[in-house]
Structure formats: structure tokens, C-alpha cells
């Protein structure tokens, strides 16, 4: 294993740093190991090892044609019929937990 002699200095938001370090601590992985793993992945992939794209914005109802709207509704109906949906109370409880946990 190569000797680690290079330093990395990065400025990050304090809350982001704290949250990430808490997770790394729970995993038992030092920050330096995570940084080294990231750098090695960048080398192996010859680029950033995850997507850096912007999420697409949801389409508003008035921007859809009737065929697109009906397709979305049919998909939702099939999911509901196949038991692939969640009840509203569970969804709202999940949202409340996410908001409470920041």
C-alpha cells in the first residue's frame, strides 16, 4: 500500500460535513479513506463516478396532451391494482419524518 503523504484541503458547509462524518463514523470509515476511495474511483472511471445531471422538472397538467395524461393515469391505476402503491397516511407520515429529521 502506498504511503499517504499528500494533503487535501476542501471547504464544505458545516452541516453537510457534520452529517456526512456522522454517517462515516457509524460505518467505521475514516474521512481520509472515503476521500481516497473517491479519488481511486475517479481514476478508474476516468471521470466522476456518479451522475452530475439536473433532475427533470415535473410536467404541469396544462403542458401535457391528453394522450400523455391518460398514459400516466393508466400506469398509476395498474400500480394500484397490482398493490404497488402506498396508502396516503403512510406517505404523509414518511414526509413528516423527513421534515422533522431535516
C-alpha atoms as a PDB file:
ATOM      1  CA  UNK A   1       0.000   0.000   0.000  1.00  0.00           C
ATOM      2  CA  UNK A   2       1.346   3.422  -0.947  1.00  0.00           C
ATOM      3  CA  UNK A   3       2.352   5.869   1.744  1.00  0.00           C
ATOM      4  CA  UNK A   4      -0.200   8.661   2.099  1.00  0.00           C
ATOM      5  CA  UNK A   5       1.712  11.931   2.158  1.00  0.00           C
ATOM      6  CA  UNK A   6      -0.478  14.352   0.175  1.00  0.00           C
ATOM      7  CA  UNK A   7      -2.991  16.621   1.888  1.00  0.00           C
ATOM      8  CA  UNK A   8      -6.381  17.701   0.578  1.00  0.00           C
ATOM      9  CA  UNK A   9      -7.945  20.959   1.738  1.00  0.00           C
ATOM     10  CA  UNK A  10     -11.611  21.475   0.949  1.00  0.00           C
ATOM     11  CA  UNK A  11     -14.206  23.925   2.205  1.00  0.00           C
ATOM     12  CA  UNK A  12     -17.647  22.441   2.792  1.00  0.00           C
ATOM     13  CA  UNK A  13     -20.804  23.571   4.518  1.00  0.00           C
ATOM     14  CA  UNK A  14     -20.549  22.794   8.259  1.00  0.00           C
ATOM     15  CA  UNK A  15     -23.871  20.931   8.426  1.00  0.00           C
ATOM     16  CA  UNK A  16     -23.009  18.833   5.366  1.00  0.00           C
ATOM     17  CA  UNK A  17     -19.644  17.945   6.921  1.00  0.00           C
ATOM     18  CA  UNK A  18     -21.238  17.021  10.249  1.00  0.00           C
ATOM     19  CA  UNK A  19     -23.955  14.850   8.697  1.00  0.00           C
ATOM     20  CA  UNK A  20     -21.519  13.048   6.393  1.00  0.00           C
ATOM     21  CA  UNK A  21     -18.998  12.447   9.172  1.00  0.00           C
ATOM     22  CA  UNK A  22     -21.715  11.039  11.446  1.00  0.00           C
ATOM     23  CA  UNK A  23     -22.613   8.515   8.755  1.00  0.00           C
ATOM     24  CA  UNK A  24     -18.959   7.641   8.119  1.00  0.00           C
ATOM     25  CA  UNK A  25     -18.473   7.200  11.872  1.00  0.00           C
ATOM     26  CA  UNK A  26     -21.433   4.815  12.041  1.00  0.00           C
ATOM     27  CA  UNK A  27     -19.888   2.875   9.154  1.00  0.00           C
ATOM     28  CA  UNK A  28     -16.496   2.901  10.870  1.00  0.00           C
ATOM     29  CA  UNK A  29     -14.806   4.535   7.876  1.00  0.00           C
ATOM     30  CA  UNK A  30     -12.425   7.487   8.372  1.00  0.00           C
ATOM     31  CA  UNK A  31     -12.891  10.564   6.186  1.00  0.00           C
ATOM     32  CA  UNK A  32      -9.434  10.075   4.672  1.00  0.00           C
ATOM     33  CA  UNK A  33     -10.392   6.576   3.497  1.00  0.00           C
ATOM     34  CA  UNK A  34     -13.577   7.895   1.849  1.00  0.00           C
ATOM     35  CA  UNK A  35     -11.635  10.643   0.057  1.00  0.00           C
ATOM     36  CA  UNK A  36      -9.027   8.129  -1.083  1.00  0.00           C
ATOM     37  CA  UNK A  37     -11.787   5.789  -2.341  1.00  0.00           C
ATOM     38  CA  UNK A  38     -13.395   8.663  -4.260  1.00  0.00           C
ATOM     39  CA  UNK A  39     -10.106   9.607  -5.886  1.00  0.00           C
ATOM     40  CA  UNK A  40      -9.459   5.970  -6.875  1.00  0.00           C
ATOM     41  CA  UNK A  41     -12.933   5.715  -8.411  1.00  0.00           C
ATOM     42  CA  UNK A  42     -12.314   8.910 -10.385  1.00  0.00           C
ATOM     43  CA  UNK A  43      -9.095   7.375 -11.712  1.00  0.00           C
ATOM     44  CA  UNK A  44     -10.758   4.028 -12.550  1.00  0.00           C
ATOM     45  CA  UNK A  45     -13.773   5.623 -14.243  1.00  0.00           C
ATOM     46  CA  UNK A  46     -11.722   8.437 -15.770  1.00  0.00           C
ATOM     47  CA  UNK A  47     -14.412  10.798 -14.528  1.00  0.00           C
ATOM     48  CA  UNK A  48     -16.780  11.482 -11.667  1.00  0.00           C
ATOM     49  CA  UNK A  49     -18.191   8.093 -10.529  1.00  0.00           C
ATOM     50  CA  UNK A  50     -21.786   9.307 -10.296  1.00  0.00           C
ATOM     51  CA  UNK A  51     -24.243  11.266 -12.409  1.00  0.00           C
ATOM     52  CA  UNK A  52     -23.999  15.053 -12.388  1.00  0.00           C
ATOM     53  CA  UNK A  53     -27.190  15.810 -14.256  1.00  0.00           C
ATOM     54  CA  UNK A  54     -30.008  18.117 -13.259  1.00  0.00           C
ATOM     55  CA  UNK A  55     -33.256  16.374 -12.354  1.00  0.00           C
ATOM     56  CA  UNK A  56     -36.058  16.981 -14.789  1.00  0.00           C
ATOM     57  CA  UNK A  57     -38.863  19.180 -13.568  1.00  0.00           C
ATOM     58  CA  UNK A  58     -42.285  17.559 -13.351  1.00  0.00           C
ATOM     59  CA  UNK A  59     -44.595  18.360 -16.234  1.00  0.00           C
ATOM     60  CA  UNK A  60     -47.598  20.518 -15.341  1.00  0.00           C
ATOM     61  CA  UNK A  61     -51.049  19.332 -16.364  1.00  0.00           C
ATOM     62  CA  UNK A  62     -51.523  22.229 -18.791  1.00  0.00           C
ATOM     63  CA  UNK A  63     -48.252  21.248 -20.525  1.00  0.00           C
ATOM     64  CA  UNK A  64     -49.480  17.686 -21.279  1.00  0.00           C
ATOM     65  CA  UNK A  65     -51.563  16.455 -24.118  1.00  0.00           C
ATOM     66  CA  UNK A  66     -54.474  14.107 -23.473  1.00  0.00           C
ATOM     67  CA  UNK A  67     -52.511  11.000 -24.542  1.00  0.00           C
ATOM     68  CA  UNK A  68     -49.653  11.719 -22.115  1.00  0.00           C
ATOM     69  CA  UNK A  69     -52.056  12.402 -19.257  1.00  0.00           C
ATOM     70  CA  UNK A  70     -54.035   9.213 -19.931  1.00  0.00           C
ATOM     71  CA  UNK A  71     -50.809   7.184 -20.067  1.00  0.00           C
ATOM     72  CA  UNK A  72     -49.728   8.472 -16.647  1.00  0.00           C
ATOM     73  CA  UNK A  73     -53.152   7.767 -15.192  1.00  0.00           C
ATOM     74  CA  UNK A  74     -53.233   4.229 -16.664  1.00  0.00           C
ATOM     75  CA  UNK A  75     -49.809   3.497 -15.171  1.00  0.00           C
ATOM     76  CA  UNK A  76     -50.992   4.682 -11.763  1.00  0.00           C
ATOM     77  CA  UNK A  77     -54.168   2.614 -11.983  1.00  0.00           C
ATOM     78  CA  UNK A  78     -52.203  -0.534 -12.889  1.00  0.00           C
ATOM     79  CA  UNK A  79     -49.830   0.063  -9.978  1.00  0.00           C
ATOM     80  CA  UNK A  80     -52.760   0.456  -7.599  1.00  0.00           C
ATOM     81  CA  UNK A  81     -54.439  -2.691  -8.942  1.00  0.00           C
ATOM     82  CA  UNK A  82     -51.188  -4.650  -8.510  1.00  0.00           C
ATOM     83  CA  UNK A  83     -50.711  -3.455  -4.928  1.00  0.00           C
ATOM     84  CA  UNK A  84     -47.656  -1.378  -5.896  1.00  0.00           C
ATOM     85  CA  UNK A  85     -48.931   1.792  -4.265  1.00  0.00           C
ATOM     86  CA  UNK A  86     -48.726   3.234  -0.760  1.00  0.00           C
ATOM     87  CA  UNK A  87     -51.655   4.492   1.239  1.00  0.00           C
ATOM     88  CA  UNK A  88     -51.823   8.240   1.808  1.00  0.00           C
ATOM     89  CA  UNK A  89     -51.348   8.022   5.578  1.00  0.00           C
ATOM     90  CA  UNK A  90     -48.017   6.167   5.162  1.00  0.00           C
ATOM     91  CA  UNK A  91     -46.828   8.683   2.573  1.00  0.00           C
ATOM     92  CA  UNK A  92     -47.677  11.676   4.770  1.00  0.00           C
ATOM     93  CA  UNK A  93     -46.051  10.063   7.817  1.00  0.00           C
ATOM     94  CA  UNK A  94     -42.891   9.483   5.793  1.00  0.00           C
ATOM     95  CA  UNK A  95     -42.859  13.116   4.624  1.00  0.00           C
ATOM     96  CA  UNK A  96     -43.354  14.330   8.201  1.00  0.00           C
ATOM     97  CA  UNK A  97     -40.418  12.195   9.400  1.00  0.00           C
ATOM     98  CA  UNK A  98     -38.184  13.559   6.631  1.00  0.00           C
ATOM     99  CA  UNK A  99     -39.119  17.141   7.528  1.00  0.00           C
ATOM    100  CA  UNK A 100     -38.568  16.515  11.254  1.00  0.00           C
ATOM    101  CA  UNK A 101     -35.140  14.966  10.606  1.00  0.00           C
ATOM    102  CA  UNK A 102     -34.075  17.867   8.416  1.00  0.00           C
END
